[in-house]
N, C-alpha and C. Protein backbone atom coordinates (compact mmCIF):
# COMPACT_ATOMS: atom_id res chain seq x y z
N UNK A 1 95.44 112.75 91.91
CA UNK A 1 95.08 111.50 91.96
C UNK A 1 96.00 110.72 92.61
N UNK A 2 95.74 109.79 93.75
CA UNK A 2 96.97 108.76 94.17
C UNK A 2 96.63 107.39 93.58
N UNK A 3 97.43 106.68 94.05
CA UNK A 3 97.32 105.45 93.56
C UNK A 3 97.41 104.39 94.68
N UNK A 4 97.01 103.03 94.49
CA UNK A 4 97.17 101.89 94.82
C UNK A 4 97.33 100.83 94.14
N UNK A 5 98.66 100.37 94.51
CA UNK A 5 99.48 99.67 93.50
C UNK A 5 99.66 98.08 93.80
N UNK A 6 99.04 96.93 92.84
CA UNK A 6 99.58 96.11 93.08
C UNK A 6 100.23 95.21 91.72
N UNK A 7 101.44 94.55 92.69
CA UNK A 7 102.03 94.22 91.20
C UNK A 7 102.28 92.75 91.29
N UNK A 8 101.99 92.11 90.08
CA UNK A 8 102.59 90.60 89.97
C UNK A 8 102.05 89.62 90.95
N UNK A 9 100.41 90.02 90.91
CA UNK A 9 99.57 88.82 91.54
C UNK A 9 99.48 87.78 90.49
N UNK A 10 99.54 86.82 91.24
CA UNK A 10 99.48 85.45 90.45
C UNK A 10 98.03 84.60 90.75
N UNK A 11 97.51 84.33 89.68
CA UNK A 11 95.96 83.74 90.01
C UNK A 11 96.04 82.51 89.07
N UNK A 12 95.55 81.21 89.45
CA UNK A 12 95.79 80.57 88.52
C UNK A 12 94.03 80.17 87.79
N UNK A 13 93.73 80.14 86.65
CA UNK A 13 92.48 80.03 86.42
C UNK A 13 92.06 79.51 84.99
N UNK A 14 91.19 79.82 84.55
CA UNK A 14 91.18 78.53 83.19
C UNK A 14 90.58 79.91 82.02
N UNK A 15 91.25 81.09 81.47
CA UNK A 15 90.71 81.45 80.47
C UNK A 15 91.86 81.13 79.05
N UNK A 16 91.31 80.91 77.80
CA UNK A 16 91.81 80.98 76.68
C UNK A 16 91.03 80.02 75.68
N UNK A 17 91.27 80.40 74.26
CA UNK A 17 90.86 80.15 73.03
C UNK A 17 90.64 78.55 73.28
N UNK A 18 91.76 78.09 73.32
CA UNK A 18 92.20 76.63 73.23
C UNK A 18 91.09 75.70 74.47
N UNK A 19 90.99 74.51 74.36
CA UNK A 19 89.88 73.84 75.01
C UNK A 19 91.17 73.32 76.23
N UNK A 20 91.94 72.97 76.26
CA UNK A 20 93.31 72.62 76.68
C UNK A 20 93.08 73.53 78.05
N UNK A 21 93.24 75.31 77.34
CA UNK A 21 93.25 76.14 78.28
C UNK A 21 92.05 75.96 79.43
N UNK A 22 91.21 75.66 79.05
CA UNK A 22 90.04 76.19 79.74
C UNK A 22 89.85 74.69 80.54
N UNK A 23 90.92 73.36 80.20
CA UNK A 23 90.62 72.20 80.83
C UNK A 23 91.47 72.21 82.34
N UNK A 24 92.55 72.50 81.45
CA UNK A 24 93.82 72.62 82.38
C UNK A 24 94.10 73.61 83.28
N UNK A 25 94.11 75.14 82.44
CA UNK A 25 93.99 76.03 83.28
C UNK A 25 95.73 76.14 83.52
N UNK A 26 96.02 78.02 83.68
CA UNK A 26 97.42 78.23 84.16
C UNK A 26 97.32 79.44 84.48
N UNK A 27 98.63 79.78 85.00
CA UNK A 27 98.85 80.86 85.92
C UNK A 27 99.15 81.92 85.08
N UNK A 28 98.17 82.96 85.63
CA UNK A 28 97.85 84.50 84.89
C UNK A 28 98.64 85.39 86.16
N UNK A 29 99.22 86.41 85.42
CA UNK A 29 99.84 87.85 86.18
C UNK A 29 99.16 89.06 85.92
N UNK A 30 98.94 89.70 87.36
CA UNK A 30 98.11 90.98 87.06
C UNK A 30 98.64 91.86 87.65
N UNK A 31 98.87 93.01 87.20
CA UNK A 31 99.23 94.35 88.03
C UNK A 31 98.23 95.31 87.45
N UNK A 32 97.92 95.87 88.58
CA UNK A 32 96.87 97.03 88.69
C UNK A 32 97.28 98.02 89.70
N UNK A 33 96.85 99.32 89.18
CA UNK A 33 96.83 100.52 89.60
C UNK A 33 95.38 101.53 89.65
N UNK A 34 95.11 101.11 91.07
CA UNK A 34 93.61 102.00 91.08
C UNK A 34 93.95 103.47 91.76
N UNK A 35 93.54 104.45 90.97
CA UNK A 35 93.62 105.49 91.13
C UNK A 35 92.40 106.18 92.29
N UNK A 36 92.33 106.73 93.49
CA UNK A 36 92.02 107.40 94.44
C UNK A 36 92.32 108.49 95.39
N UNK A 37 91.33 109.22 95.82
CA UNK A 37 91.65 110.59 96.55
C UNK A 37 92.23 109.92 97.84
N UNK A 38 93.20 109.86 97.98
CA UNK A 38 93.69 109.01 99.71
C UNK A 38 94.11 110.20 100.87
N UNK A 39 94.05 111.45 100.55
CA UNK A 39 94.65 112.42 100.97
C UNK A 39 93.85 112.16 102.71
N UNK A 40 92.68 111.41 102.97
CA UNK A 40 92.01 111.55 104.26
C UNK A 40 92.56 110.98 104.83
N UNK A 41 93.12 109.29 104.24
CA UNK A 41 93.61 108.30 105.05
C UNK A 41 95.00 108.59 105.41
N UNK A 42 95.28 109.53 104.67
CA UNK A 42 97.20 110.07 104.80
C UNK A 42 96.59 110.65 106.30
N UNK A 43 96.08 111.65 106.43
CA UNK A 43 95.64 112.25 107.42
C UNK A 43 95.35 111.49 108.45
N UNK A 44 94.25 110.60 108.81
CA UNK A 44 93.68 109.90 109.89
C UNK A 44 94.20 108.50 110.10
N UNK A 45 95.23 107.98 109.45
CA UNK A 45 95.54 106.84 109.04
C UNK A 45 94.76 105.81 109.91
N UNK A 46 93.65 105.80 109.32
CA UNK A 46 92.51 104.69 109.47
C UNK A 46 92.07 104.08 107.70
N UNK A 47 92.22 102.90 108.48
CA UNK A 47 91.61 101.67 107.09
C UNK A 47 90.33 102.29 106.22
N UNK A 48 89.77 102.62 107.28
CA UNK A 48 88.34 103.12 106.11
C UNK A 48 88.18 104.03 105.70
N UNK A 49 89.51 104.84 105.52
CA UNK A 49 89.42 106.41 104.50
C UNK A 49 90.12 105.54 103.17
N UNK A 50 90.02 104.46 103.09
CA UNK A 50 91.40 104.00 101.83
C UNK A 50 90.18 102.77 101.30
N UNK A 51 91.10 102.32 100.51
CA UNK A 51 90.69 100.68 100.04
C UNK A 51 91.35 100.04 100.21
N UNK A 52 91.29 98.57 101.37
CA UNK A 52 91.85 97.82 101.34
C UNK A 52 92.70 97.52 100.33
N UNK A 53 93.89 97.20 100.06
CA UNK A 53 94.67 96.10 99.05
C UNK A 53 94.54 94.38 98.92
N UNK A 54 94.29 94.06 100.09
CA UNK A 54 93.68 92.87 100.78
C UNK A 54 92.52 92.59 100.24
N UNK A 55 91.24 93.67 100.18
CA UNK A 55 89.91 93.32 99.63
C UNK A 55 90.25 93.44 97.84
N UNK A 56 91.23 94.40 98.01
CA UNK A 56 90.64 94.57 96.35
C UNK A 56 91.56 93.12 95.17
N UNK A 57 92.72 92.42 96.45
CA UNK A 57 93.18 91.45 95.95
C UNK A 57 92.27 90.29 95.85
N UNK A 58 91.60 90.19 96.73
CA UNK A 58 90.32 89.44 96.83
C UNK A 58 89.22 89.58 95.75
N UNK A 59 89.08 90.61 95.56
CA UNK A 59 88.13 90.78 94.47
C UNK A 59 88.72 90.31 92.85
N UNK A 60 89.81 90.67 92.87
CA UNK A 60 90.45 90.06 91.56
C UNK A 60 90.65 88.49 91.55
N UNK A 61 91.05 88.11 92.60
CA UNK A 61 90.89 86.69 92.62
C UNK A 61 89.77 86.05 92.64
N UNK A 62 88.33 86.29 93.06
CA UNK A 62 87.27 86.01 92.82
C UNK A 62 86.49 86.01 91.55
N UNK A 63 87.00 87.39 90.73
CA UNK A 63 86.88 87.76 89.48
C UNK A 63 87.35 86.80 88.08
N UNK A 64 88.45 86.39 88.65
CA UNK A 64 89.39 85.76 87.88
C UNK A 64 89.12 84.08 87.70
N UNK A 65 88.53 84.01 88.77
CA UNK A 65 88.20 82.41 88.87
C UNK A 65 86.62 82.44 88.52
N UNK A 66 85.63 83.25 89.02
CA UNK A 66 84.23 82.26 88.63
C UNK A 66 83.65 82.02 87.37
N UNK A 67 84.49 82.52 86.42
CA UNK A 67 84.27 82.12 85.03
C UNK A 67 85.03 81.98 84.28
N UNK A 68 84.97 81.07 83.02
CA UNK A 68 86.02 81.11 81.96
C UNK A 68 86.15 81.74 81.01
N UNK A 69 87.11 82.71 80.59
CA UNK A 69 86.89 83.43 79.36
C UNK A 69 87.71 83.19 78.36
N UNK A 70 87.48 83.10 76.94
CA UNK A 70 88.03 82.84 75.70
C UNK A 70 89.48 83.84 75.87
N UNK A 71 88.87 85.24 75.52
CA UNK A 71 90.14 86.22 75.83
C UNK A 71 90.57 87.00 76.84
N UNK A 72 92.00 86.97 77.08
CA UNK A 72 92.07 87.97 78.38
C UNK A 72 91.64 89.46 78.57
N UNK A 73 90.81 90.04 77.38
CA UNK A 73 90.95 91.30 77.16
C UNK A 73 89.30 91.14 78.12
N UNK A 74 88.46 90.11 77.83
CA UNK A 74 87.35 90.04 78.87
C UNK A 74 87.71 90.12 79.98
N UNK A 75 88.45 89.00 80.96
CA UNK A 75 88.91 88.65 81.49
C UNK A 75 89.17 90.32 82.30
N UNK A 76 90.14 90.56 81.72
CA UNK A 76 90.53 91.77 82.68
C UNK A 76 89.61 93.14 82.62
N UNK A 77 88.66 93.14 81.66
CA UNK A 77 87.24 93.96 81.55
C UNK A 77 86.56 93.48 82.86
N UNK A 78 86.27 92.41 83.03
CA UNK A 78 85.46 92.18 84.06
C UNK A 78 85.65 92.41 85.53
N UNK A 79 87.55 92.20 85.59
CA UNK A 79 88.17 92.75 87.14
C UNK A 79 88.13 94.11 87.22
N UNK A 80 88.25 94.86 86.24
CA UNK A 80 88.36 96.21 86.27
C UNK A 80 86.71 96.91 86.59
N UNK A 81 85.68 96.23 85.97
CA UNK A 81 84.14 96.66 86.44
C UNK A 81 83.96 96.22 87.42
N UNK A 82 84.33 95.06 88.07
CA UNK A 82 84.12 94.68 89.29
C UNK A 82 84.39 95.55 90.68
N UNK A 83 86.23 95.94 90.11
CA UNK A 83 86.79 97.07 91.22
C UNK A 83 85.83 98.42 91.29
N UNK A 84 85.52 98.71 90.15
CA UNK A 84 84.93 100.15 90.14
C UNK A 84 83.14 100.14 90.97
N UNK A 85 82.84 98.76 90.31
CA UNK A 85 81.43 98.72 91.33
C UNK A 85 81.42 98.40 92.26
N UNK A 86 82.68 97.55 92.88
CA UNK A 86 82.64 97.49 94.58
C UNK A 86 83.55 98.06 95.58
N UNK A 87 84.22 99.01 94.80
CA UNK A 87 84.81 100.20 95.66
C UNK A 87 84.65 101.64 95.03
N UNK A 88 83.54 102.20 95.78
CA UNK A 88 83.37 103.55 95.47
C UNK A 88 84.30 104.63 94.97
N UNK A 89 85.06 104.62 96.14
CA UNK A 89 86.24 105.27 96.44
C UNK A 89 87.34 105.41 94.82
N UNK A 90 87.12 104.64 94.09
CA UNK A 90 87.87 104.21 93.03
C UNK A 90 87.31 105.22 92.20
N UNK A 91 88.29 105.92 91.46
CA UNK A 91 88.01 107.04 90.40
C UNK A 91 88.18 106.23 89.18
N UNK A 92 89.37 105.47 89.03
CA UNK A 92 89.55 104.44 87.90
C UNK A 92 90.54 103.50 88.37
N UNK A 93 90.88 102.61 87.37
CA UNK A 93 91.74 101.20 87.64
C UNK A 93 92.40 101.17 86.03
N UNK A 94 94.02 100.87 86.43
CA UNK A 94 94.60 100.21 85.10
C UNK A 94 94.99 98.64 85.11
N UNK A 95 94.40 97.83 84.60
CA UNK A 95 94.68 96.43 84.95
C UNK A 95 95.41 95.96 83.63
N UNK A 96 96.60 95.41 84.11
CA UNK A 96 97.55 94.49 82.79
C UNK A 96 97.41 92.96 83.14
N UNK A 97 96.62 92.65 82.25
CA UNK A 97 96.72 91.08 82.58
C UNK A 97 97.76 90.06 81.54
N UNK A 98 98.64 89.53 82.19
CA UNK A 98 99.77 88.62 81.44
C UNK A 98 99.52 87.44 81.38
N UNK A 99 99.93 87.07 80.38
CA UNK A 99 99.59 85.26 80.15
C UNK A 99 100.85 85.04 80.01
N UNK A 100 101.86 84.19 80.91
CA UNK A 100 103.29 83.80 80.58
C UNK A 100 103.52 82.81 79.99
N UNK A 101 102.62 81.54 79.93
CA UNK A 101 102.33 80.28 79.23
C UNK A 101 101.63 80.17 78.49
N UNK A 102 101.40 81.18 77.35
CA UNK A 102 100.30 81.04 76.33
C UNK A 102 100.61 80.37 75.28
N UNK A 103 100.06 79.42 74.70
CA UNK A 103 100.37 78.14 73.73
C UNK A 103 100.81 78.78 72.55
N UNK A 104 101.86 79.18 72.66
CA UNK A 104 102.89 79.60 71.36
C UNK A 104 103.90 79.32 71.52
N UNK A 105 104.78 78.55 70.16
CA UNK A 105 105.49 78.05 70.02
C UNK A 105 106.55 79.25 69.64
N UNK A 106 106.98 79.99 70.67
CA UNK A 106 107.70 80.81 70.76
C UNK A 106 108.62 81.33 71.99
N UNK A 107 109.56 81.79 72.02
CA UNK A 107 110.84 82.35 73.01
C UNK A 107 109.97 83.45 73.50
N UNK A 108 109.27 83.74 74.73
CA UNK A 108 108.79 85.08 75.16
C UNK A 108 108.50 84.87 76.70
N UNK A 109 108.68 86.53 77.35
CA UNK A 109 108.18 86.29 78.66
C UNK A 109 107.08 86.11 79.05
N UNK A 110 106.16 86.94 78.27
CA UNK A 110 104.36 87.05 78.39
C UNK A 110 103.94 87.70 77.45
N UNK A 111 102.36 87.12 77.20
CA UNK A 111 101.62 88.14 76.34
C UNK A 111 100.88 88.70 77.43
N UNK A 112 100.34 90.15 77.06
CA UNK A 112 99.74 90.77 78.13
C UNK A 112 98.53 91.43 77.20
N UNK A 113 97.60 91.94 77.86
CA UNK A 113 96.97 93.09 77.30
C UNK A 113 96.73 94.09 78.77
N UNK A 114 96.54 95.47 78.38
CA UNK A 114 96.52 96.45 79.56
C UNK A 114 95.27 97.44 79.17
N UNK A 115 94.33 97.23 80.23
CA UNK A 115 92.96 98.52 80.01
C UNK A 115 92.94 99.29 81.48
N UNK A 116 92.64 100.55 80.45
CA UNK A 116 91.95 101.57 81.71
C UNK A 116 90.99 101.63 81.66
N UNK A 117 89.94 101.92 82.56
CA UNK A 117 88.55 101.92 82.95
C UNK A 117 88.31 103.05 83.95
N UNK A 118 87.23 104.12 83.99
CA UNK A 118 87.20 105.12 84.99
C UNK A 118 85.46 105.00 85.25
N UNK A 119 85.44 105.39 85.86
CA UNK A 119 84.04 105.58 86.36
C UNK A 119 82.79 106.16 85.28
N UNK A 120 83.14 107.24 84.60
CA UNK A 120 82.82 107.75 83.92
C UNK A 120 82.49 106.58 82.26
N UNK A 121 83.06 105.28 82.58
CA UNK A 121 83.18 104.84 81.15
C UNK A 121 84.51 104.44 80.66
N UNK A 122 84.48 104.28 79.20
CA UNK A 122 86.29 104.25 78.69
C UNK A 122 86.65 105.19 78.62
């Protein structure tokens, strides 16, 4: 299986348990690996034979900004579900959702969760 990879997509959204996170928002970072059979696109050199990473990015941004979730687990699940529903060619997706500015008094690069979903479910 081949991969479409998007790394370091930054999206300003309003997810978090704390009220100020939902009110003030923060920047989240998404790494995404979408699995698909890309053989036809490799041979045809035609955009219709693949899934446009530009369209994938638009879907991720839309999903991340259309509602507020307490947990980044829920936000990541919604991203994965939308991608599998909207792009029939995708067999599976791996979403890493990073929260670099989590309101924790500690020195860290980011907190994150990673989920993997496929057409067959979990």
